[in-house]
Amino acid sequence: MTRSVALMFPGQGAQHVAMAAGLYGRDAAFTATMDEVFARLGPRGRELRSDWLGRGGAADARFDDVTRAQPLLYAVGCALGRSLLELGVRPGALIGHSVGEMVAATLAGVLDLADGVELMLDRMDTLAASPAGSMLAVAASAAELEPYLRGEVVVGAVNAPRQTLLAGPAAELARVRADLAGAGITCREARSRQAFHSPVMAPFVAEAHRAWEGVPLRAPRIPVYSARLGAPLTAGHARDPRFWAAQPAEPVLFWPALDRLLADRDALLVEAGPGQGLSTLARRHPAVLAGRAAVLPLLPARRRGPGDDREAFDRAVLRLREEGHAPHAPDVVGAAPVHPGSQGR
């Protein structure tokens, strides 16, 4: 029996300059979606596009800020998802990490892309005004970390049984990090300048709620396994603006959501985003280790040039076809690929 496809969309931390840009100017659906997002972002979109392609000399460190990472991760996730849909892939489930859940909601029809871009603009402005914060990836379970939490430092994400993300004000998190290092617990700073999924974000929920109230929200047409809930997204939650507005202040339960997804179905887990962070996590799941599920990233773990994106994507499409998916030939843009650093549009 053919395994269903489950698309996984990464969140903050996966971003980098020129992520997936090797498909820009080559894959029609990907290019059209990126251009639509940039156009809807207005003048900020032109600047963001230039930085994304590496034309402004932007360093990866700039991409750690919400004003770069979030809209680009949203755009790239939607563009990759649409590319697969154009190839005839019909996903049986979607799952997203943090802002990746907004991508999943968009592709599932909970909200339109145009509204998603407007919400990303609001998210950029609202969350960029939040106090400086930080996030810390720790090789320990959430339960093991409870004694080390202090102040507003909380568990921001449960990514795997022993892969936990802490979040909170930078100074408090630095003290927690020192305590963890003293106890011999491995940890590293995550790529974020904001303390997402912590109480630091709570004061901004009310403002975000106003933006979400003006957006038509629908029940998902494709099952979404919500990392906000750690369970399937219900029609009630999908239509509730308060659910979405509170998301940046609530923990990400990626592993519980993935666990439920793989309990419900055998799946080919396709990571539709930069890097292979979610693929690395998913490969640890018992269903994958037992061979009932498999993992397929669309993009390379480390990108060295535009050719890497294209080669990884083409290999993934071939694998999808071998498993009975992606029946349509890709629609290739007639113009030459747009390389980072090149001149042109």
C-alpha atoms as a PDB file:
ATOM      1  CA  MET A   1       0.000   0.000   0.000  1.00  0.00           C
ATOM      2  CA  THR A   2       1.242   3.489  -0.878  1.00  0.00           C
ATOM      3  CA  ARG A   3       2.118   5.577   2.160  1.00  0.00           C
ATOM      4  CA  SER A   4       0.390   8.940   2.348  1.00  0.00           C
ATOM      5  CA  VAL A   5       2.496  12.065   2.175  1.00  0.00           C
ATOM      6  CA  ALA A   6       2.717  14.276   5.260  1.00  0.00           C
ATOM      7  CA  LEU A   7       4.346  17.655   4.675  1.00  0.00           C
ATOM      8  CA  MET A   8       6.443  19.127   7.497  1.00  0.00           C
ATOM      9  CA  PHE A   9       7.155  22.874   7.641  1.00  0.00           C
ATOM     10  CA  PRO A  10      10.007  24.170   9.835  1.00  0.00           C
ATOM     11  CA  GLY A  11       9.960  27.315  11.930  1.00  0.00           C
ATOM     12  CA  GLN A  12      12.410  29.845  13.344  1.00  0.00           C
ATOM     13  CA  GLY A  13      15.961  28.524  13.403  1.00  0.00           C
ATOM     14  CA  ALA A  14      15.912  26.905   9.965  1.00  0.00           C
ATOM     15  CA  GLN A  15      16.326  30.198   8.104  1.00  0.00           C
ATOM     16  CA  HIS A  16      19.399  31.254   6.132  1.00  0.00           C
ATOM     17  CA  VAL A  17      20.330  33.530   3.244  1.00  0.00           C
ATOM     18  CA  ALA A  18      19.162  32.203  -0.159  1.00  0.00           C
ATOM     19  CA  MET A  19      17.213  29.324   1.382  1.00  0.00           C
ATOM     20  CA  ALA A  20      15.590  27.412  -1.495  1.00  0.00           C
ATOM     21  CA  ALA A  21      16.643  30.198  -3.901  1.00  0.00           C
ATOM     22  CA  GLY A  22      18.016  27.614  -6.326  1.00  0.00           C
ATOM     23  CA  LEU A  23      14.386  26.878  -7.275  1.00  0.00           C
ATOM     24  CA  TYR A  24      13.616  30.550  -7.936  1.00  0.00           C
ATOM     25  CA  GLY A  25      13.417  31.234 -11.669  1.00  0.00           C
ATOM     26  CA  ARG A  26      13.383  27.482 -12.353  1.00  0.00           C
ATOM     27  CA  ASP A  27      10.228  26.060 -10.783  1.00  0.00           C
ATOM     28  CA  ALA A  28       7.151  27.971 -11.966  1.00  0.00           C
ATOM     29  CA  ALA A  29       4.910  27.389  -8.955  1.00  0.00           C
ATOM     30  CA  PHE A  30       7.697  28.157  -6.479  1.00  0.00           C
ATOM     31  CA  THR A  31       8.687  31.341  -8.325  1.00  0.00           C
ATOM     32  CA  ALA A  32       5.104  32.583  -8.694  1.00  0.00           C
ATOM     33  CA  THR A  33       4.384  32.092  -4.996  1.00  0.00           C
ATOM     34  CA  MET A  34       7.553  33.858  -3.859  1.00  0.00           C
ATOM     35  CA  ASP A  35       6.831  36.758  -6.223  1.00  0.00           C
ATOM     36  CA  GLU A  36       3.257  36.992  -4.967  1.00  0.00           C
ATOM     37  CA  VAL A  37       4.409  37.202  -1.355  1.00  0.00           C
ATOM     38  CA  PHE A  38       7.063  39.814  -2.137  1.00  0.00           C
ATOM     39  CA  ALA A  39       4.539  41.883  -4.110  1.00  0.00           C
ATOM     40  CA  ARG A  40       1.998  41.776  -1.294  1.00  0.00           C
ATOM     41  CA  LEU A  41       4.672  42.893   1.183  1.00  0.00           C
ATOM     42  CA  GLY A  42       5.149  46.088  -0.854  1.00  0.00           C
ATOM     43  CA  PRO A  43       8.401  48.046  -0.430  1.00  0.00           C
ATOM     44  CA  ARG A  44       9.418  45.751   2.408  1.00  0.00           C
ATOM     45  CA  GLY A  45       9.020  42.843   0.038  1.00  0.00           C
ATOM     46  CA  ARG A  46      11.542  44.277  -2.414  1.00  0.00           C
ATOM     47  CA  GLU A  47      14.092  44.702   0.349  1.00  0.00           C
ATOM     48  CA  LEU A  48      13.355  41.244   1.716  1.00  0.00           C
ATOM     49  CA  ARG A  49      13.752  39.662  -1.723  1.00  0.00           C
ATOM     50  CA  SER A  50      17.110  41.376  -2.202  1.00  0.00           C
ATOM     51  CA  ASP A  51      18.338  40.171   1.174  1.00  0.00           C
ATOM     52  CA  TRP A  52      16.992  36.667   0.550  1.00  0.00           C
ATOM     53  CA  LEU A  53      18.940  36.416  -2.700  1.00  0.00           C
ATOM     54  CA  GLY A  54      22.058  37.732  -0.972  1.00  0.00           C
ATOM     55  CA  ARG A  55      22.266  40.910  -3.036  1.00  0.00           C
ATOM     56  CA  GLY A  56      22.336  43.295  -0.114  1.00  0.00           C
ATOM     57  CA  GLY A  57      25.288  41.603   1.535  1.00  0.00           C
ATOM     58  CA  ALA A  58      22.980  40.471   4.345  1.00  0.00           C
ATOM     59  CA  ALA A  59      24.642  38.077   6.769  1.00  0.00           C
ATOM     60  CA  ASP A  60      22.808  35.071   8.159  1.00  0.00           C
ATOM     61  CA  ALA A  61      22.754  36.780  11.563  1.00  0.00           C
ATOM     62  CA  ARG A  62      20.257  39.362  10.265  1.00  0.00           C
ATOM     63  CA  PHE A  63      17.952  36.534   9.365  1.00  0.00           C
ATOM     64  CA  ASP A  64      17.611  35.582  13.034  1.00  0.00           C
ATOM     65  CA  ASP A  65      15.286  38.545  13.576  1.00  0.00           C
ATOM     66  CA  VAL A  66      11.533  38.127  13.227  1.00  0.00           C
ATOM     67  CA  THR A  67      11.415  40.746  10.438  1.00  0.00           C
ATOM     68  CA  ARG A  68      13.500  38.491   8.173  1.00  0.00           C
ATOM     69  CA  ALA A  69      13.099  34.921   9.390  1.00  0.00           C
ATOM     70  CA  GLN A  70       9.322  34.764   9.806  1.00  0.00           C
ATOM     71  CA  PRO A  71       8.074  36.160   6.459  1.00  0.00           C
ATOM     72  CA  LEU A  72      10.719  34.271   4.491  1.00  0.00           C
ATOM     73  CA  LEU A  73      10.036  30.958   6.220  1.00  0.00           C
ATOM     74  CA  TYR A  74       6.342  31.501   5.552  1.00  0.00           C
ATOM     75  CA  ALA A  75       6.944  32.358   1.888  1.00  0.00           C
ATOM     76  CA  VAL A  76       9.362  29.484   1.235  1.00  0.00           C
ATOM     77  CA  GLY A  77       7.118  26.952   2.971  1.00  0.00           C
ATOM     78  CA  CYS A  78       4.062  28.032   0.974  1.00  0.00           C
ATOM     79  CA  ALA A  79       6.071  28.082  -2.260  1.00  0.00           C
ATOM     80  CA  LEU A  80       7.453  24.576  -1.742  1.00  0.00           C
ATOM     81  CA  GLY A  81       4.019  23.283  -0.772  1.00  0.00           C
ATOM     82  CA  ARG A  82       2.432  24.760  -3.894  1.00  0.00           C
ATOM     83  CA  SER A  83       5.203  23.278  -6.049  1.00  0.00           C
ATOM     84  CA  LEU A  84       4.386  19.807  -4.747  1.00  0.00           C
ATOM     85  CA  LEU A  85       0.669  20.339  -5.275  1.00  0.00           C
ATOM     86  CA  GLU A  86       1.375  21.359  -8.885  1.00  0.00           C
ATOM     87  CA  LEU A  87       3.290  18.109  -9.326  1.00  0.00           C
ATOM     88  CA  GLY A  88       0.187  16.216  -8.310  1.00  0.00           C
ATOM     89  CA  VAL A  89       1.196  15.391  -4.749  1.00  0.00           C
ATOM     90  CA  ARG A  90      -1.915  15.104  -2.595  1.00  0.00           C
ATOM     91  CA  PRO A  91      -0.790  15.215   1.036  1.00  0.00           C
ATOM     92  CA  GLY A  92      -2.769  13.288   3.576  1.00  0.00           C
ATOM     93  CA  ALA A  93      -1.564  15.454   6.448  1.00  0.00           C
ATOM     94  CA  LEU A  94       0.332  18.655   7.260  1.00  0.00           C
ATOM     95  CA  ILE A  95       2.390  19.570  10.318  1.00  0.00           C
ATOM     96  CA  GLY A  96       4.298  22.767  11.055  1.00  0.00           C
ATOM     97  CA  HIS A  97       6.692  23.994  13.717  1.00  0.00           C
ATOM     98  CA  SER A  98       5.866  27.497  15.032  1.00  0.00           C
ATOM     99  CA  VAL A  99       5.483  29.768  11.971  1.00  0.00           C
ATOM    100  CA  GLY A 100       5.436  26.557   9.944  1.00  0.00           C
ATOM    101  CA  GLU A 101       1.973  25.936  11.372  1.00  0.00           C
ATOM    102  CA  MET A 102       0.786  29.076   9.584  1.00  0.00           C
ATOM    103  CA  VAL A 103       2.154  27.560   6.369  1.00  0.00           C
ATOM    104  CA  ALA A 104       0.229  24.339   7.064  1.00  0.00           C
ATOM    105  CA  ALA A 105      -2.936  26.330   7.772  1.00  0.00           C
ATOM    106  CA  THR A 106      -2.572  28.251   4.511  1.00  0.00           C
ATOM    107  CA  LEU A 107      -2.074  25.142   2.373  1.00  0.00           C
ATOM    108  CA  ALA A 108      -4.962  23.429   4.166  1.00  0.00           C
ATOM    109  CA  GLY A 109      -7.268  26.326   3.258  1.00  0.00           C
ATOM    110  CA  VAL A 110      -7.774  27.638   6.792  1.00  0.00           C
ATOM    111  CA  LEU A 111      -6.696  31.056   5.507  1.00  0.00           C
ATOM    112  CA  ASP A 112      -5.759  32.513   2.136  1.00  0.00           C
ATOM    113  CA  LEU A 113      -2.195  33.360   1.183  1.00  0.00           C
ATOM    114  CA  ALA A 114      -3.113  37.052   0.842  1.00  0.00           C
ATOM    115  CA  ASP A 115      -4.414  37.115   4.416  1.00  0.00           C
ATOM    116  CA  GLY A 116      -1.392  35.122   5.572  1.00  0.00           C
ATOM    117  CA  VAL A 117       0.951  37.777   4.180  1.00  0.00           C
ATOM    118  CA  GLU A 118      -1.022  40.545   5.908  1.00  0.00           C
ATOM    119  CA  LEU A 119      -0.799  38.623   9.164  1.00  0.00           C
ATOM    120  CA  MET A 120       2.935  38.191   8.657  1.00  0.00           C
ATOM    121  CA  LEU A 121       3.278  41.968   8.263  1.00  0.00           C
ATOM    122  CA  ASP A 122       1.408  42.443  11.526  1.00  0.00           C
ATOM    123  CA  ARG A 123       3.518  39.712  13.164  1.00  0.00           C
ATOM    124  CA  MET A 124       6.727  41.409  12.024  1.00  0.00           C
ATOM    125  CA  ASP A 125       5.717  44.752  13.492  1.00  0.00           C
ATOM    126  CA  THR A 126       4.148  43.409  16.679  1.00  0.00           C
ATOM    127  CA  LEU A 127       6.769  40.873  17.698  1.00  0.00           C
ATOM    128  CA  ALA A 128       9.721  43.006  16.608  1.00  0.00           C
ATOM    129  CA  ALA A 129       8.689  45.414  19.378  1.00  0.00           C
ATOM    130  CA  SER A 130       8.972  42.696  22.022  1.00  0.00           C
ATOM    131  CA  PRO A 131      11.824  42.813  24.555  1.00  0.00           C
ATOM    132  CA  ALA A 132      15.092  41.172  23.573  1.00  0.00           C
ATOM    133  CA  GLY A 133      14.937  37.486  24.296  1.00  0.00           C
ATOM    134  CA  SER A 134      16.621  34.232  23.500  1.00  0.00           C
ATOM    135  CA  MET A 135      16.013  30.526  22.974  1.00  0.00           C
ATOM    136  CA  LEU A 136      18.166  27.590  24.015  1.00  0.00           C
ATOM    137  CA  ALA A 137      18.207  24.079  22.537  1.00  0.00           C
ATOM    138  CA  VAL A 138      18.895  21.521  25.274  1.00  0.00           C
ATOM    139  CA  ALA A 139      19.622  17.787  25.056  1.00  0.00           C
ATOM    140  CA  ALA A 140      17.275  16.830  27.887  1.00  0.00           C
ATOM    141  CA  SER A 141      13.603  16.147  28.454  1.00  0.00           C
ATOM    142  CA  ALA A 142      11.186  18.833  29.593  1.00  0.00           C
ATOM    143  CA  ALA A 143      10.776  17.034  32.912  1.00  0.00           C
ATOM    144  CA  GLU A 144      14.545  16.968  33.518  1.00  0.00           C
ATOM    145  CA  LEU A 145      14.723  20.712  32.927  1.00  0.00           C
ATOM    146  CA  GLU A 146      12.003  21.713  35.388  1.00  0.00           C
ATOM    147  CA  PRO A 147      14.458  22.291  38.301  1.00  0.00           C
ATOM    148  CA  TYR A 148      16.475  24.739  36.190  1.00  0.00           C
ATOM    149  CA  LEU A 149      13.630  27.015  35.118  1.00  0.00           C
ATOM    150  CA  ARG A 150      13.485  30.458  36.702  1.00  0.00           C
ATOM    151  CA  GLY A 151      11.637  33.721  36.200  1.00  0.00           C
ATOM    152  CA  GLU A 152      10.083  33.855  32.756  1.00  0.00           C
ATOM    153  CA  VAL A 153      12.250  31.056  31.344  1.00  0.00           C
ATOM    154  CA  VAL A 154       9.959  28.234  30.223  1.00  0.00           C
ATOM    155  CA  VAL A 155       9.866  25.217  27.956  1.00  0.00           C
ATOM    156  CA  GLY A 156       9.216  26.795  24.573  1.00  0.00           C
ATOM    157  CA  ALA A 157       9.167  23.629  22.464  1.00  0.00           C
ATOM    158  CA  VAL A 158       9.155  19.863  22.877  1.00  0.00           C
ATOM    159  CA  ASN A 159      10.902  18.765  19.671  1.00  0.00           C
ATOM    160  CA  ALA A 160      11.762  15.177  20.668  1.00  0.00           C
ATOM    161  CA  PRO A 161      11.866  13.145  23.898  1.00  0.00           C
ATOM    162  CA  ARG A 162      15.302  14.556  24.735  1.00  0.00           C
ATOM    163  CA  GLN A 163      15.328  17.642  22.533  1.00  0.00           C
ATOM    164  CA  THR A 164      13.786  20.615  24.320  1.00  0.00           C
ATOM    165  CA  LEU A 165      13.827  24.312  23.544  1.00  0.00           C
ATOM    166  CA  LEU A 166      13.863  26.820  26.399  1.00  0.00           C
ATOM    167  CA  ALA A 167      12.783  30.411  25.900  1.00  0.00           C
ATOM    168  CA  GLY A 168      12.820  33.589  27.967  1.00  0.00           C
ATOM    169  CA  PRO A 169      14.523  36.931  28.605  1.00  0.00           C
ATOM    170  CA  ALA A 170      18.153  36.882  27.484  1.00  0.00           C
ATOM    171  CA  ALA A 171      19.689  37.591  30.906  1.00  0.00           C
ATOM    172  CA  GLU A 172      17.605  34.960  32.729  1.00  0.00           C
ATOM    173  CA  LEU A 173      18.238  32.377  30.028  1.00  0.00           C
ATOM    174  CA  ALA A 174      21.990  33.036  30.217  1.00  0.00           C
ATOM    175  CA  ARG A 175      21.926  32.144  33.906  1.00  0.00           C
ATOM    176  CA  VAL A 176      19.948  28.982  33.171  1.00  0.00           C
ATOM    177  CA  ARG A 177      22.485  28.081  30.501  1.00  0.00           C
ATOM    178  CA  ALA A 178      25.323  28.456  32.988  1.00  0.00           C
ATOM    179  CA  ASP A 179      23.523  26.168  35.436  1.00  0.00           C
ATOM    180  CA  LEU A 180      22.960  23.568  32.731  1.00  0.00           C
ATOM    181  CA  ALA A 181      26.585  23.702  31.637  1.00  0.00           C
ATOM    182  CA  GLY A 182      27.638  23.232  35.240  1.00  0.00           C
ATOM    183  CA  ALA A 183      25.479  20.136  35.435  1.00  0.00           C
ATOM    184  CA  GLY A 184      27.042  18.741  32.248  1.00  0.00           C
ATOM    185  CA  ILE A 185      23.876  19.135  30.154  1.00  0.00           C
ATOM    186  CA  THR A 186      24.543  19.921  26.505  1.00  0.00           C
ATOM    187  CA  CYS A 187      22.870  23.055  25.169  1.00  0.00           C
ATOM    188  CA  ARG A 188      23.312  25.611  22.401  1.00  0.00           C
ATOM    189  CA  GLU A 189      21.749  28.938  21.562  1.00  0.00           C
ATOM    190  CA  ALA A 190      18.963  28.798  19.002  1.00  0.00           C
ATOM    191  CA  ARG A 191      18.783  31.288  16.151  1.00  0.00           C
ATOM    192  CA  SER A 192      16.290  33.821  17.435  1.00  0.00           C
ATOM    193  CA  ARG A 193      16.430  37.341  18.830  1.00  0.00           C
ATOM    194  CA  GLN A 194      12.982  36.996  20.368  1.00  0.00           C
ATOM    195  CA  ALA A 195      11.777  34.712  23.165  1.00  0.00           C
ATOM    196  CA  PHE A 196       9.058  33.006  21.153  1.00  0.00           C
ATOM    197  CA  HIS A 197       6.673  30.636  22.914  1.00  0.00           C
ATOM    198  CA  SER A 198       7.282  32.161  26.335  1.00  0.00           C
ATOM    199  CA  PRO A 199       5.436  34.607  28.636  1.00  0.00           C
ATOM    200  CA  VAL A 200       7.587  37.401  27.162  1.00  0.00           C
ATOM    201  CA  MET A 201       5.225  37.298  24.157  1.00  0.00           C
ATOM    202  CA  ALA A 202       1.993  37.329  26.175  1.00  0.00           C
ATOM    203  CA  PRO A 203       1.482  41.139  26.158  1.00  0.00           C
ATOM    204  CA  PHE A 204       1.430  41.093  22.357  1.00  0.00           C
ATOM    205  CA  VAL A 205      -1.331  38.512  22.047  1.00  0.00           C
ATOM    206  CA  ALA A 206      -4.147  41.055  22.412  1.00  0.00           C
ATOM    207  CA  GLU A 207      -2.790  43.180  19.565  1.00  0.00           C
ATOM    208  CA  ALA A 208      -2.329  40.116  17.370  1.00  0.00           C
ATOM    209  CA  HIS A 209      -5.895  39.051  18.182  1.00  0.00           C
ATOM    210  CA  ARG A 210      -7.252  42.197  16.534  1.00  0.00           C
ATOM    211  CA  ALA A 211      -5.445  41.336  13.305  1.00  0.00           C
ATOM    212  CA  TRP A 212      -6.683  37.731  13.293  1.00  0.00           C
ATOM    213  CA  GLU A 213     -10.287  38.813  13.969  1.00  0.00           C
ATOM    214  CA  GLY A 214     -10.438  40.428  10.539  1.00  0.00           C
ATOM    215  CA  VAL A 215      -9.404  37.276   8.662  1.00  0.00           C
ATOM    216  CA  PRO A 216     -11.891  34.699   7.333  1.00  0.00           C
ATOM    217  CA  LEU A 217     -10.947  31.359   8.901  1.00  0.00           C
ATOM    218  CA  ARG A 218     -12.183  27.971   7.739  1.00  0.00           C
ATOM    219  CA  ALA A 219     -11.969  24.326   8.727  1.00  0.00           C
ATOM    220  CA  PRO A 220      -8.909  22.626   7.192  1.00  0.00           C
ATOM    221  CA  ARG A 221      -9.454  20.775   3.888  1.00  0.00           C
ATOM    222  CA  ILE A 222      -6.340  18.683   4.609  1.00  0.00           C
ATOM    223  CA  PRO A 223      -5.777  17.271   8.118  1.00  0.00           C
ATOM    224  CA  VAL A 224      -3.388  19.487  10.086  1.00  0.00           C
ATOM    225  CA  TYR A 225      -1.576  18.046  13.089  1.00  0.00           C
ATOM    226  CA  SER A 226      -1.159  21.095  15.269  1.00  0.00           C
ATOM    227  CA  ALA A 227       2.069  21.582  17.193  1.00  0.00           C
ATOM    228  CA  ARG A 228       0.161  24.185  19.209  1.00  0.00           C
ATOM    229  CA  LEU A 229      -2.166  21.415  20.437  1.00  0.00           C
ATOM    230  CA  GLY A 230       0.005  18.329  20.054  1.00  0.00           C
ATOM    231  CA  ALA A 231      -3.044  16.852  18.315  1.00  0.00           C
ATOM    232  CA  PRO A 232      -5.158  17.253  15.152  1.00  0.00           C
ATOM    233  CA  LEU A 233      -6.402  20.761  14.461  1.00  0.00           C
ATOM    234  CA  THR A 234     -10.152  20.816  15.002  1.00  0.00           C
ATOM    235  CA  ALA A 235     -12.544  22.949  12.984  1.00  0.00           C
ATOM    236  CA  GLY A 236     -13.276  24.934  16.144  1.00  0.00           C
ATOM    237  CA  HIS A 237      -9.644  25.773  16.766  1.00  0.00           C
ATOM    238  CA  ALA A 238      -9.044  26.521  13.083  1.00  0.00           C
ATOM    239  CA  ARG A 239     -11.825  29.135  13.082  1.00  0.00           C
ATOM    240  CA  ASP A 240     -10.834  30.703  16.427  1.00  0.00           C
ATOM    241  CA  PRO A 241      -8.727  33.889  16.044  1.00  0.00           C
ATOM    242  CA  ARG A 242      -7.714  33.642  19.712  1.00  0.00           C
ATOM    243  CA  PHE A 243      -6.082  30.264  19.031  1.00  0.00           C
ATOM    244  CA  TRP A 244      -3.855  31.712  16.319  1.00  0.00           C
ATOM    245  CA  ALA A 245      -3.123  35.011  18.074  1.00  0.00           C
ATOM    246  CA  ALA A 246      -1.856  33.191  21.167  1.00  0.00           C
ATOM    247  CA  GLN A 247       0.392  30.828  19.209  1.00  0.00           C
ATOM    248  CA  PRO A 248       3.658  32.850  19.571  1.00  0.00           C
ATOM    249  CA  ALA A 249       3.277  32.839  23.368  1.00  0.00           C
ATOM    250  CA  GLU A 250       2.421  29.141  23.756  1.00  0.00           C
ATOM    251  CA  PRO A 251       4.812  26.146  23.671  1.00  0.00           C
ATOM    252  CA  VAL A 252       5.370  24.173  20.473  1.00  0.00           C
ATOM    253  CA  LEU A 253       4.473  20.503  20.983  1.00  0.00           C
ATOM    254  CA  PHE A 254       6.044  19.210  17.799  1.00  0.00           C
ATOM    255  CA  TRP A 255       6.916  15.712  19.023  1.00  0.00           C
ATOM    256  CA  PRO A 256       3.466  14.984  20.513  1.00  0.00           C
ATOM    257  CA  ALA A 257       1.873  16.194  17.248  1.00  0.00           C
ATOM    258  CA  LEU A 258       4.232  14.051  15.152  1.00  0.00           C
ATOM    259  CA  ASP A 259       3.616  11.089  17.452  1.00  0.00           C
ATOM    260  CA  ARG A 260      -0.150  11.411  16.957  1.00  0.00           C
ATOM    261  CA  LEU A 261       0.250  11.768  13.185  1.00  0.00           C
ATOM    262  CA  LEU A 262       2.301   8.569  12.942  1.00  0.00           C
ATOM    263  CA  ALA A 263      -0.099   6.738  15.253  1.00  0.00           C
ATOM    264  CA  ASP A 264      -2.931   7.618  12.865  1.00  0.00           C
ATOM    265  CA  ARG A 265      -1.165   6.741   9.586  1.00  0.00           C
ATOM    266  CA  ASP A 266       1.952   5.349   7.952  1.00  0.00           C
ATOM    267  CA  ALA A 267       3.467   8.323   6.179  1.00  0.00           C
ATOM    268  CA  LEU A 268       6.251   9.570   3.977  1.00  0.00           C
ATOM    269  CA  LEU A 269       7.300  12.639   5.977  1.00  0.00           C
ATOM    270  CA  VAL A 270       8.405  15.306   3.485  1.00  0.00           C
ATOM    271  CA  GLU A 271      10.196  18.306   4.971  1.00  0.00           C
ATOM    272  CA  ALA A 272       9.210  21.320   2.877  1.00  0.00           C
ATOM    273  CA  GLY A 273      11.588  23.987   4.091  1.00  0.00           C
ATOM    274  CA  PRO A 274      15.234  24.948   4.465  1.00  0.00           C
ATOM    275  CA  GLY A 275      17.654  22.508   6.047  1.00  0.00           C
ATOM    276  CA  GLN A 276      16.739  19.135   7.488  1.00  0.00           C
ATOM    277  CA  GLY A 277      16.063  19.934  11.140  1.00  0.00           C
ATOM    278  CA  LEU A 278      12.606  18.370  11.279  1.00  0.00           C
ATOM    279  CA  SER A 279      13.836  15.388   9.257  1.00  0.00           C
ATOM    280  CA  THR A 280      16.559  14.790  11.836  1.00  0.00           C
ATOM    281  CA  LEU A 281      13.960  14.804  14.615  1.00  0.00           C
ATOM    282  CA  ALA A 282      11.504  12.604  12.727  1.00  0.00           C
ATOM    283  CA  ARG A 283      14.138   9.955  11.983  1.00  0.00           C
ATOM    284  CA  ARG A 284      14.223   9.236  15.738  1.00  0.00           C
ATOM    285  CA  HIS A 285      10.564   8.267  15.855  1.00  0.00           C
ATOM    286  CA  PRO A 286       9.844   4.552  16.453  1.00  0.00           C
ATOM    287  CA  ALA A 287       7.577   4.391  13.377  1.00  0.00           C
ATOM    288  CA  VAL A 288      10.462   5.556  11.184  1.00  0.00           C
ATOM    289  CA  LEU A 289      12.974   3.277  12.883  1.00  0.00           C
ATOM    290  CA  ALA A 290      10.589   0.350  12.323  1.00  0.00           C
ATOM    291  CA  GLY A 291      10.185   1.210   8.622  1.00  0.00           C
ATOM    292  CA  ARG A 292       6.449   1.978   8.806  1.00  0.00           C
ATOM    293  CA  ALA A 293       7.186   5.627   8.030  1.00  0.00           C
ATOM    294  CA  ALA A 294      10.014   7.303   6.124  1.00  0.00           C
ATOM    295  CA  VAL A 295      11.573  10.762   5.944  1.00  0.00           C
ATOM    296  CA  LEU A 296      12.264  12.786   2.796  1.00  0.00           C
ATOM    297  CA  PRO A 297      13.728  16.330   2.920  1.00  0.00           C
ATOM    298  CA  LEU A 298      13.192  18.514  -0.160  1.00  0.00           C
ATOM    299  CA  LEU A 299      16.314  20.621   0.362  1.00  0.00           C
ATOM    300  CA  PRO A 300      19.940  19.913   1.343  1.00  0.00           C
ATOM    301  CA  ALA A 301      21.104  19.918   4.938  1.00  0.00           C
ATOM    302  CA  ARG A 302      23.805  22.444   4.011  1.00  0.00           C
ATOM    303  CA  ARG A 303      23.457  24.615   0.947  1.00  0.00           C
ATOM    304  CA  ARG A 304      26.644  25.569  -0.889  1.00  0.00           C
ATOM    305  CA  GLY A 305      25.120  26.855  -4.109  1.00  0.00           C
ATOM    306  CA  PRO A 306      21.870  27.045  -6.117  1.00  0.00           C
ATOM    307  CA  GLY A 307      22.592  23.696  -7.740  1.00  0.00           C
ATOM    308  CA  ASP A 308      22.318  21.990  -4.357  1.00  0.00           C
ATOM    309  CA  ASP A 309      18.684  23.089  -3.988  1.00  0.00           C
ATOM    310  CA  ARG A 310      17.753  21.865  -7.457  1.00  0.00           C
ATOM    311  CA  GLU A 311      19.517  18.512  -7.112  1.00  0.00           C
ATOM    312  CA  ALA A 312      17.975  17.799  -3.705  1.00  0.00           C
ATOM    313  CA  PHE A 313      14.496  18.816  -4.912  1.00  0.00           C
ATOM    314  CA  ASP A 314      14.762  16.690  -8.073  1.00  0.00           C
ATOM    315  CA  ARG A 315      15.898  13.658  -6.055  1.00  0.00           C
ATOM    316  CA  ALA A 316      12.964  14.127  -3.697  1.00  0.00           C
ATOM    317  CA  VAL A 317      10.494  14.353  -6.598  1.00  0.00           C
ATOM    318  CA  LEU A 318      11.916  11.131  -8.060  1.00  0.00           C
ATOM    319  CA  ARG A 319      11.436   9.422  -4.687  1.00  0.00           C
ATOM    320  CA  LEU A 320       7.868  10.698  -4.507  1.00  0.00           C
ATOM    321  CA  ARG A 321       7.144   9.246  -7.930  1.00  0.00           C
ATOM    322  CA  GLU A 322       8.662   5.922  -6.940  1.00  0.00           C
ATOM    323  CA  GLU A 323       6.223   5.842  -4.018  1.00  0.00           C
ATOM    324  CA  GLY A 324       3.253   6.615  -6.276  1.00  0.00           C
ATOM    325  CA  HIS A 325       3.058  10.387  -5.844  1.00  0.00           C
ATOM    326  CA  ALA A 326       3.964  13.446  -8.001  1.00  0.00           C
ATOM    327  CA  PRO A 327       2.530  12.161 -11.298  1.00  0.00           C
ATOM    328  CA  HIS A 328       2.846  15.430 -13.221  1.00  0.00           C
ATOM    329  CA  ALA A 329       5.977  16.687 -14.969  1.00  0.00           C
ATOM    330  CA  PRO A 330       7.395  19.843 -13.370  1.00  0.00           C
ATOM    331  CA  ASP A 331       6.609  23.184 -14.984  1.00  0.00           C
ATOM    332  CA  VAL A 332       9.957  24.844 -15.544  1.00  0.00           C
ATOM    333  CA  VAL A 333      10.254  28.601 -15.946  1.00  0.00           C
ATOM    334  CA  GLY A 334      11.622  29.548 -19.340  1.00  0.00           C
ATOM    335  CA  ALA A 335      14.008  32.209 -18.057  1.00  0.00           C
ATOM    336  CA  ALA A 336      17.439  31.374 -16.711  1.00  0.00           C
ATOM    337  CA  PRO A 337      17.576  30.643 -12.981  1.00  0.00           C
ATOM    338  CA  VAL A 338      18.026  33.665 -10.718  1.00  0.00           C
ATOM    339  CA  HIS A 339      21.219  33.095  -8.748  1.00  0.00           C
ATOM    340  CA  PRO A 340      22.011  34.869  -5.495  1.00  0.00           C
ATOM    341  CA  GLY A 341      24.195  37.866  -6.238  1.00  0.00           C
ATOM    342  CA  SER A 342      23.143  38.078  -9.903  1.00  0.00           C
ATOM    343  CA  GLN A 343      21.609  41.129 -11.484  1.00  0.00           C
ATOM    344  CA  GLY A 344      18.080  41.195 -12.764  1.00  0.00           C
ATOM    345  CA  ARG A 345      14.567  41.503 -11.522  1.00  0.00           C
END
